[in-house]
Amino acid sequence: MEYRIAKAGRITVVILAIIFVVGGGAFIVSSFAAGAKTPLFFFILGLILAATGVYSYLDTMKTKLTIDDDSITLQKAFSTRSLLRSDIKGYRQGEKNIVFIIPKEGAGKQIQLSGYFERRKEIMVWLKKNYPDVDTIEYEAETKTILANENFGVTEGERENNLAKARKVSTWASTVGIGISFWVFIYPKPYEPLLIALAILPWVGVYITWYFKGLVRFDTRKKSAWPSVSFVLYFPALALLLRAILDYDLYIFGKIWTPLLASTLIVTLVFFTICKKAVGEEKSKALVMGVGALIAGCYSFGLIVLSNCYYDSSKPDSFQVQVTGKHITTGKHTSYYLTLSPWGRFSEEKDQSVRRSFYEEVQTGQSLHVHLHEGRWHIPWYFVME
């Protein structure tokens, strides 16, 4: 049996490849034009675009999956990967219809199949008929491990009840953590209660981990049998970080390093001390500890900046500045900037991000006031008075 990329996918790639090659060629030609300001940049960019187009075309046209009596082989433009059917452990379904064919230990590397193969249902029927779902096998094995661990209950019935309770509590906590994090990011009102909630939620996750004595983990896999509080730890910490970056501008950034490092160290130590049992049961302890320290840093930065600025009652110093320019940047997000004349420690013009409504009201040449505050924790910050 042979399978190629579906016809619709091949046509799409051909169109995109033509666009990339033509666009890349245009950049390359423009790099040789008289008066080109950055010829090397345009030349390299053109080469990258053209090469991407050619590679995508060749890879799509050459990709072929072959299944015979003895083996399964994935051939691509510049590589071929094959597994004996007897060496296949099973399959795993990933995001966006991607399927991974998992080999037995030591039998080779896994084969990754995109969701764009023709007759994909036929491929999946063949896989399900001949091999097990690896995620299901691992889920059942993890469940047996949990129910056999006397640390989670005296009897198997008690362990089953504790597992069901832990899953329910962790699911609710994660749902609340994700919900409030997105709420704060999209529409941060009421502001102060939401910030307080974000500051508390990670510790709720820490308490849940401690309460269930290692039964609740930090595993982010969707199909893990272990209950997880990773989302109630990670999302609020990242939301605090984003709100701090979006809402406030530090005047002297270096002032935050000492409290940030001290807070990160304390939060990390407290976290791992309380969650010692859960961390000790993790397979990748070094990874868990590294990610935990990183999240502690994000949490600490957000908490320090937000509390330093939001709860600052110091009398500000005022600087009069002139708007010397305006511009908009686009991408995943649209940002609006005013270019301000030198003030304070800024000896040159500086771009300042502002709200869209404020951007539209202000005209080039207009005078504005910048308020510089001392900061609740003596970390100076400023804002442009609207």
Protein backbone atom coordinates (compact mmCIF):
# COMPACT_ATOMS: atom_id res chain seq x y z
CA MET A 1 0.00 0.00 0.00
CA GLU A 2 1.27 3.44 -0.94
CA TYR A 3 0.04 6.84 0.21
CA ARG A 4 1.01 10.35 -0.87
CA ILE A 5 0.08 13.80 0.35
CA ALA A 6 -3.55 14.48 -0.64
CA LYS A 7 -4.14 16.33 -3.90
CA ALA A 8 -5.56 19.44 -2.20
CA GLY A 9 -2.46 19.63 -0.02
CA ARG A 10 -0.13 19.29 -3.01
CA ILE A 11 -1.92 22.05 -4.90
CA THR A 12 -1.76 24.36 -1.87
CA VAL A 13 1.96 23.76 -1.42
CA VAL A 14 2.63 24.37 -5.13
CA ILE A 15 0.87 27.75 -4.94
CA LEU A 16 2.72 28.72 -1.77
CA ALA A 17 6.03 27.52 -3.20
CA ILE A 18 5.55 29.72 -6.28
CA ILE A 19 4.78 32.72 -4.06
CA PHE A 20 7.86 32.08 -1.93
CA VAL A 21 10.17 31.58 -4.91
CA VAL A 22 8.88 34.63 -6.77
CA GLY A 23 8.98 36.75 -3.61
CA GLY A 24 12.47 35.53 -2.78
CA GLY A 25 13.61 36.28 -6.31
CA ALA A 26 12.20 39.80 -6.02
CA PHE A 27 14.15 40.41 -2.81
CA ILE A 28 17.34 39.07 -4.40
CA VAL A 29 16.92 41.34 -7.45
CA SER A 30 16.16 44.37 -5.23
CA SER A 31 19.37 43.76 -3.29
CA PHE A 32 21.35 44.59 -6.45
CA ALA A 33 19.30 47.70 -7.24
CA ALA A 34 21.01 51.06 -7.04
CA GLY A 35 20.45 52.81 -3.72
CA ALA A 36 19.42 49.69 -1.80
CA LYS A 37 19.83 50.51 1.91
CA THR A 38 20.37 46.95 3.20
CA PRO A 39 21.40 44.85 0.17
CA LEU A 40 22.88 41.98 2.21
CA PHE A 41 19.72 41.65 4.34
CA PHE A 42 17.43 41.56 1.27
CA PHE A 43 19.74 39.10 -0.49
CA ILE A 44 19.80 36.68 2.47
CA LEU A 45 16.04 37.07 3.02
CA GLY A 46 15.43 36.35 -0.67
CA LEU A 47 17.58 33.22 -0.53
CA ILE A 48 15.74 31.96 2.57
CA LEU A 49 12.31 32.52 0.99
CA ALA A 50 13.27 30.92 -2.32
CA ALA A 51 14.94 27.95 -0.59
CA THR A 52 11.87 27.46 1.62
CA GLY A 53 9.62 27.41 -1.44
CA VAL A 54 11.81 24.88 -3.30
CA TYR A 55 12.19 22.66 -0.24
CA SER A 56 8.44 22.66 0.50
CA TYR A 57 7.65 21.73 -3.10
CA LEU A 58 10.20 18.89 -3.27
CA ASP A 59 9.31 17.54 0.17
CA THR A 60 5.58 17.48 -0.58
CA MET A 61 5.97 15.90 -4.00
CA LYS A 62 8.46 13.28 -2.82
CA THR A 63 6.71 12.30 0.43
CA LYS A 64 5.37 8.76 0.24
CA LEU A 65 4.28 6.25 2.86
CA THR A 66 4.72 2.58 1.96
CA ILE A 67 3.25 -0.28 3.98
CA ASP A 68 4.14 -3.82 2.95
CA ASP A 69 4.15 -7.25 4.57
CA ASP A 70 7.42 -6.69 6.45
CA SER A 71 7.91 -2.97 7.04
CA ILE A 72 6.54 0.55 6.96
CA THR A 73 8.59 3.25 5.24
CA LEU A 74 8.25 7.03 5.07
CA GLN A 75 10.17 8.54 2.17
CA LYS A 76 10.71 12.30 2.00
CA ALA A 77 12.71 14.59 -0.25
CA PHE A 78 15.99 14.26 1.62
CA SER A 79 15.43 11.40 4.06
CA THR A 80 13.93 7.93 4.40
CA ARG A 81 12.84 6.31 7.65
CA SER A 82 11.77 2.68 7.91
CA LEU A 83 10.63 0.29 10.64
CA LEU A 84 10.09 -3.46 10.54
CA ARG A 85 6.49 -4.23 11.40
CA SER A 86 7.70 -6.60 14.12
CA ASP A 87 9.64 -3.70 15.70
CA ILE A 88 6.60 -1.42 16.05
CA LYS A 89 5.33 -0.96 19.60
CA GLY A 90 2.20 0.99 18.67
CA TYR A 91 0.98 4.41 17.62
CA ARG A 92 0.23 7.72 19.32
CA GLN A 93 -2.12 10.44 18.11
CA GLY A 94 -0.86 14.00 18.47
CA GLU A 95 -2.19 17.47 17.75
CA LYS A 96 -3.50 18.51 14.31
CA ASN A 97 -4.11 14.90 13.23
CA ILE A 98 -0.43 14.03 13.46
CA VAL A 99 0.23 10.34 14.12
CA PHE A 100 3.44 8.92 15.59
CA ILE A 101 4.40 5.32 14.91
CA ILE A 102 6.36 4.27 18.00
CA PRO A 103 9.13 1.65 17.74
CA LYS A 104 10.07 -0.82 20.44
CA GLU A 105 13.00 0.20 22.62
CA GLY A 106 16.24 0.16 20.62
CA ALA A 107 14.48 -0.57 17.31
CA GLY A 108 15.00 2.85 15.75
CA LYS A 109 13.36 6.25 15.60
CA GLN A 110 9.63 6.94 15.49
CA ILE A 111 7.90 7.79 12.22
CA GLN A 112 5.78 10.93 12.15
CA LEU A 113 2.84 11.11 9.76
CA SER A 114 1.20 14.47 9.03
CA GLY A 115 -2.55 14.83 8.81
CA TYR A 116 -2.41 15.58 5.07
CA PHE A 117 -1.97 12.08 3.66
CA GLU A 118 -4.56 10.83 1.21
CA ARG A 119 -6.86 8.07 2.46
CA ARG A 120 -5.88 8.93 6.02
CA LYS A 121 -8.84 6.97 7.45
CA GLU A 122 -7.53 3.87 5.72
CA ILE A 123 -4.13 4.37 7.38
CA MET A 124 -5.73 4.78 10.79
CA VAL A 125 -7.90 1.66 10.33
CA TRP A 126 -4.76 -0.34 9.50
CA LEU A 127 -2.86 1.01 12.52
CA LYS A 128 -5.74 0.34 14.94
CA LYS A 129 -6.22 -3.15 13.55
CA ASN A 130 -2.57 -4.13 13.92
CA TYR A 131 -1.19 -2.08 16.84
CA PRO A 132 -2.32 -0.69 20.18
CA ASP A 133 -2.62 2.97 21.14
CA VAL A 134 0.54 3.64 23.19
CA ASP A 135 -1.19 6.37 25.19
CA THR A 136 -3.85 3.89 26.30
CA ILE A 137 -1.20 1.35 27.33
CA GLU A 138 0.70 3.96 29.34
CA TYR A 139 -2.50 5.28 30.93
CA GLU A 140 -3.48 1.81 32.11
CA ALA A 141 0.05 1.11 33.40
CA GLU A 142 0.12 4.41 35.30
CA THR A 143 -3.30 3.69 36.81
CA LYS A 144 -2.09 0.30 38.04
CA THR A 145 1.00 1.94 39.56
CA ILE A 146 -1.17 4.47 41.40
CA LEU A 147 -3.61 1.88 42.73
CA ALA A 148 -0.74 -0.30 43.94
CA ASN A 149 0.93 2.51 45.92
CA GLU A 150 -0.03 2.29 49.60
CA ASN A 151 1.03 5.92 50.14
CA PHE A 152 -2.23 6.90 48.43
CA GLY A 153 -4.51 4.81 50.68
CA VAL A 154 -4.61 1.71 52.86
CA THR A 155 -6.90 -0.32 50.60
CA GLU A 156 -7.31 -0.34 46.82
CA GLY A 157 -10.83 1.05 47.23
CA GLU A 158 -9.50 3.97 49.26
CA ARG A 159 -6.82 4.58 46.64
CA GLU A 160 -9.45 4.60 43.89
CA ASN A 161 -11.51 7.14 45.84
CA ASN A 162 -8.48 9.34 46.46
CA LEU A 163 -7.51 9.18 42.78
CA ALA A 164 -11.02 10.20 41.70
CA LYS A 165 -11.04 13.03 44.26
CA ALA A 166 -7.60 14.25 43.17
CA ARG A 167 -8.63 14.28 39.51
CA LYS A 168 -11.79 16.24 40.30
CA VAL A 169 -10.00 18.82 42.48
CA SER A 170 -7.10 19.30 40.07
CA THR A 171 -9.47 19.67 37.11
CA TRP A 172 -11.51 22.34 38.86
CA ALA A 173 -8.40 24.19 40.04
CA SER A 174 -6.85 24.12 36.58
CA THR A 175 -10.10 25.32 34.99
CA VAL A 176 -10.26 28.27 37.40
CA GLY A 177 -6.56 29.04 36.88
CA ILE A 178 -6.84 29.06 33.09
CA GLY A 179 -10.13 31.00 33.16
CA ILE A 180 -8.88 33.81 35.39
CA SER A 181 -5.57 33.99 33.51
CA PHE A 182 -7.34 34.57 30.19
CA TRP A 183 -9.80 36.96 31.84
CA VAL A 184 -6.93 39.08 33.17
CA PHE A 185 -5.19 39.07 29.80
CA ILE A 186 -8.26 39.89 27.68
CA TYR A 187 -10.24 42.20 29.99
CA PRO A 188 -8.41 43.01 33.26
CA LYS A 189 -11.36 44.34 35.25
CA PRO A 190 -11.88 44.45 38.21
CA TYR A 191 -8.11 44.96 38.20
CA GLU A 192 -7.02 44.55 41.83
CA PRO A 193 -9.16 41.49 42.73
CA LEU A 194 -7.95 39.71 39.61
CA LEU A 195 -4.30 40.43 40.40
CA ILE A 196 -4.78 39.14 43.94
CA ALA A 197 -6.41 35.99 42.53
CA LEU A 198 -3.44 35.43 40.21
CA ALA A 199 -1.03 35.84 43.13
CA ILE A 200 -2.94 33.27 45.22
CA LEU A 201 -3.76 30.62 42.60
CA PRO A 202 -0.25 29.08 42.24
CA TRP A 203 -0.18 28.51 46.00
CA VAL A 204 -3.55 26.79 45.73
CA GLY A 205 -1.86 24.39 43.30
CA VAL A 206 1.04 23.91 45.72
CA TYR A 207 -1.41 23.16 48.56
CA ILE A 208 -3.28 20.60 46.44
CA THR A 209 0.00 18.87 45.61
CA TRP A 210 0.96 18.75 49.29
CA TYR A 211 -2.50 17.62 50.42
CA PHE A 212 -2.57 14.58 48.12
CA LYS A 213 0.95 13.46 49.17
CA GLY A 214 2.43 13.06 45.70
CA LEU A 215 -0.68 11.74 43.97
CA VAL A 216 -1.06 15.05 42.11
CA ARG A 217 1.83 15.78 39.74
CA PHE A 218 3.12 18.46 37.36
CA ASP A 219 2.67 16.32 34.23
CA THR A 220 1.20 18.34 31.33
CA ARG A 221 0.34 15.35 29.13
CA LYS A 222 -3.35 15.21 28.28
CA LYS A 223 -3.52 11.44 28.49
CA SER A 224 -1.61 10.92 31.73
CA ALA A 225 -3.32 8.97 34.51
CA TRP A 226 -1.72 11.25 37.10
CA PRO A 227 -3.85 14.25 38.15
CA SER A 228 -1.98 17.49 37.43
CA VAL A 229 -1.99 21.06 38.73
CA SER A 230 0.46 22.34 36.14
CA PHE A 231 -2.04 24.77 34.63
CA VAL A 232 -2.98 26.37 37.94
CA LEU A 233 0.75 26.90 38.55
CA TYR A 234 1.89 28.02 35.11
CA PHE A 235 -0.96 30.08 33.68
CA PRO A 236 -1.42 32.53 36.61
CA ALA A 237 2.35 33.05 36.89
CA LEU A 238 2.62 33.83 33.17
CA ALA A 239 -0.47 36.06 33.34
CA LEU A 240 1.15 38.08 36.16
CA LEU A 241 4.29 38.43 34.06
CA LEU A 242 2.37 39.61 30.97
CA ARG A 243 0.27 42.12 32.92
CA ALA A 244 3.41 43.57 34.50
CA ILE A 245 5.06 43.97 31.09
CA LEU A 246 1.95 45.40 29.43
CA ASP A 247 0.83 47.75 32.22
CA TYR A 248 4.00 49.34 33.58
CA ASP A 249 7.35 50.73 32.37
CA LEU A 250 10.36 50.58 34.66
CA TYR A 251 12.59 53.65 34.64
CA ILE A 252 15.75 51.89 35.84
CA PHE A 253 15.44 48.20 35.01
CA GLY A 254 18.52 47.22 36.95
CA LYS A 255 16.77 48.08 40.23
CA ILE A 256 14.62 44.96 40.01
CA TRP A 257 17.39 42.35 39.77
CA THR A 258 18.20 42.01 43.48
CA PRO A 259 14.58 41.60 44.71
CA LEU A 260 13.79 39.41 41.70
CA LEU A 261 16.64 36.97 42.35
CA ALA A 262 15.88 36.89 46.09
CA SER A 263 12.16 36.31 45.53
CA THR A 264 12.76 33.64 42.86
CA LEU A 265 15.11 31.75 45.19
CA ILE A 266 12.68 31.90 48.12
CA VAL A 267 9.64 30.90 46.03
CA THR A 268 11.57 28.03 44.44
CA LEU A 269 12.81 26.69 47.77
CA VAL A 270 9.37 26.93 49.41
CA PHE A 271 7.72 25.31 46.38
CA PHE A 272 10.07 22.32 46.25
CA THR A 273 10.05 21.89 50.04
CA ILE A 274 6.24 21.68 50.16
CA CYS A 275 5.99 19.57 46.99
CA LYS A 276 8.94 17.31 47.82
CA LYS A 277 6.93 14.08 47.57
CA ALA A 278 5.45 14.94 44.16
CA VAL A 279 8.82 16.05 42.76
CA GLY A 280 10.48 12.91 44.11
CA GLU A 281 8.03 10.73 42.14
CA GLU A 282 8.64 12.50 38.82
CA LYS A 283 10.74 10.69 36.20
CA SER A 284 12.44 13.86 34.93
CA LYS A 285 13.27 15.55 38.22
CA ALA A 286 15.82 17.92 36.67
CA LEU A 287 13.28 19.09 34.08
CA VAL A 288 10.58 19.62 36.71
CA MET A 289 12.98 21.59 38.91
CA GLY A 290 14.18 23.70 35.97
CA VAL A 291 10.65 24.54 34.85
CA GLY A 292 9.65 25.20 38.46
CA ALA A 293 12.48 27.71 38.92
CA LEU A 294 11.56 29.41 35.64
CA ILE A 295 7.89 29.72 36.66
CA ALA A 296 8.99 31.03 40.07
CA GLY A 297 10.98 33.73 38.24
CA CYS A 298 7.99 34.71 36.10
CA TYR A 299 5.73 34.79 39.16
CA SER A 300 8.22 36.86 41.16
CA PHE A 301 8.76 39.39 38.37
CA GLY A 302 5.04 39.92 37.86
CA LEU A 303 4.28 40.15 41.57
CA ILE A 304 7.14 42.58 42.32
CA VAL A 305 6.42 44.92 39.40
CA LEU A 306 2.65 44.98 39.88
CA SER A 307 2.81 45.53 43.63
CA ASN A 308 5.62 48.09 43.22
CA CYS A 309 3.62 50.17 40.73
CA TYR A 310 -0.05 49.59 41.58
CA TYR A 311 0.41 50.21 45.31
CA ASP A 312 2.83 53.14 44.88
CA SER A 313 1.59 56.31 46.63
CA SER A 314 4.70 58.45 46.09
CA LYS A 315 4.40 61.93 44.62
CA PRO A 316 5.61 61.82 41.00
CA ASP A 317 8.13 64.06 39.25
CA SER A 318 6.73 65.50 36.03
CA PHE A 319 8.60 65.91 32.75
CA GLN A 320 7.26 67.73 29.71
CA VAL A 321 7.99 65.93 26.44
CA GLN A 322 7.12 66.42 22.81
CA VAL A 323 5.70 63.83 20.45
CA THR A 324 8.18 63.75 17.59
CA GLY A 325 6.61 60.84 15.69
CA LYS A 326 4.05 58.03 15.62
CA HIS A 327 4.09 54.53 14.18
CA ILE A 328 2.24 51.22 14.31
CA THR A 329 3.72 47.73 14.29
CA THR A 330 1.68 44.74 13.12
CA GLY A 331 2.05 41.01 13.46
CA LYS A 332 0.25 38.66 15.85
CA HIS A 333 -0.64 41.80 17.78
CA THR A 334 -0.94 45.42 16.68
CA SER A 335 1.02 47.89 18.82
CA TYR A 336 0.85 51.68 18.82
CA TYR A 337 3.90 53.82 19.57
CA LEU A 338 4.60 57.49 20.18
CA THR A 339 8.16 58.72 19.71
CA LEU A 340 8.97 61.06 22.60
CA SER A 341 11.68 63.70 22.86
CA PRO A 342 14.55 63.12 25.36
CA TRP A 343 13.65 63.38 29.06
CA GLY A 344 15.16 62.32 32.39
CA ARG A 345 17.87 59.72 31.91
CA PHE A 346 16.84 59.15 28.29
CA SER A 347 19.25 61.27 26.25
CA GLU A 348 17.72 60.25 22.92
CA GLU A 349 14.22 59.97 21.51
CA LYS A 350 12.33 56.95 22.83
CA ASP A 351 9.39 54.94 21.51
CA GLN A 352 6.57 54.58 24.01
CA SER A 353 3.78 52.00 23.66
CA VAL A 354 0.30 53.46 24.27
CA ARG A 355 -3.34 52.49 23.94
CA ARG A 356 -4.93 52.77 20.51
CA SER A 357 -7.45 55.43 21.59
CA PHE A 358 -4.67 57.60 23.05
CA TYR A 359 -2.54 57.08 19.93
CA GLU A 360 -5.37 58.32 17.71
CA GLU A 361 -5.95 61.41 19.85
CA VAL A 362 -2.34 62.59 20.00
CA GLN A 363 -0.77 64.54 17.13
CA THR A 364 2.90 64.84 16.18
CA GLY A 365 4.36 67.98 17.76
CA GLN A 366 1.97 67.87 20.71
CA SER A 367 3.35 68.27 24.25
CA LEU A 368 2.68 65.62 26.91
CA HIS A 369 3.68 65.01 30.51
CA VAL A 370 5.57 61.96 31.77
CA HIS A 371 5.10 61.12 35.46
CA LEU A 372 8.04 59.42 37.19
CA HIS A 373 7.25 57.55 40.44
CA GLU A 374 9.63 56.26 43.12
CA GLY A 375 7.90 52.87 43.39
CA ARG A 376 6.51 51.02 46.41
CA TRP A 377 9.68 48.91 46.59
CA HIS A 378 11.92 51.77 45.39
CA ILE A 379 11.94 50.52 41.80
CA PRO A 380 11.28 53.70 39.76
CA TRP A 381 8.62 53.54 37.06
CA TYR A 382 6.85 56.01 34.81
CA PHE A 383 3.84 56.54 32.59
CA VAL A 384 2.74 59.03 29.94
CA MET A 385 -0.12 61.19 31.21
CA GLU A 386 -3.09 60.97 28.87
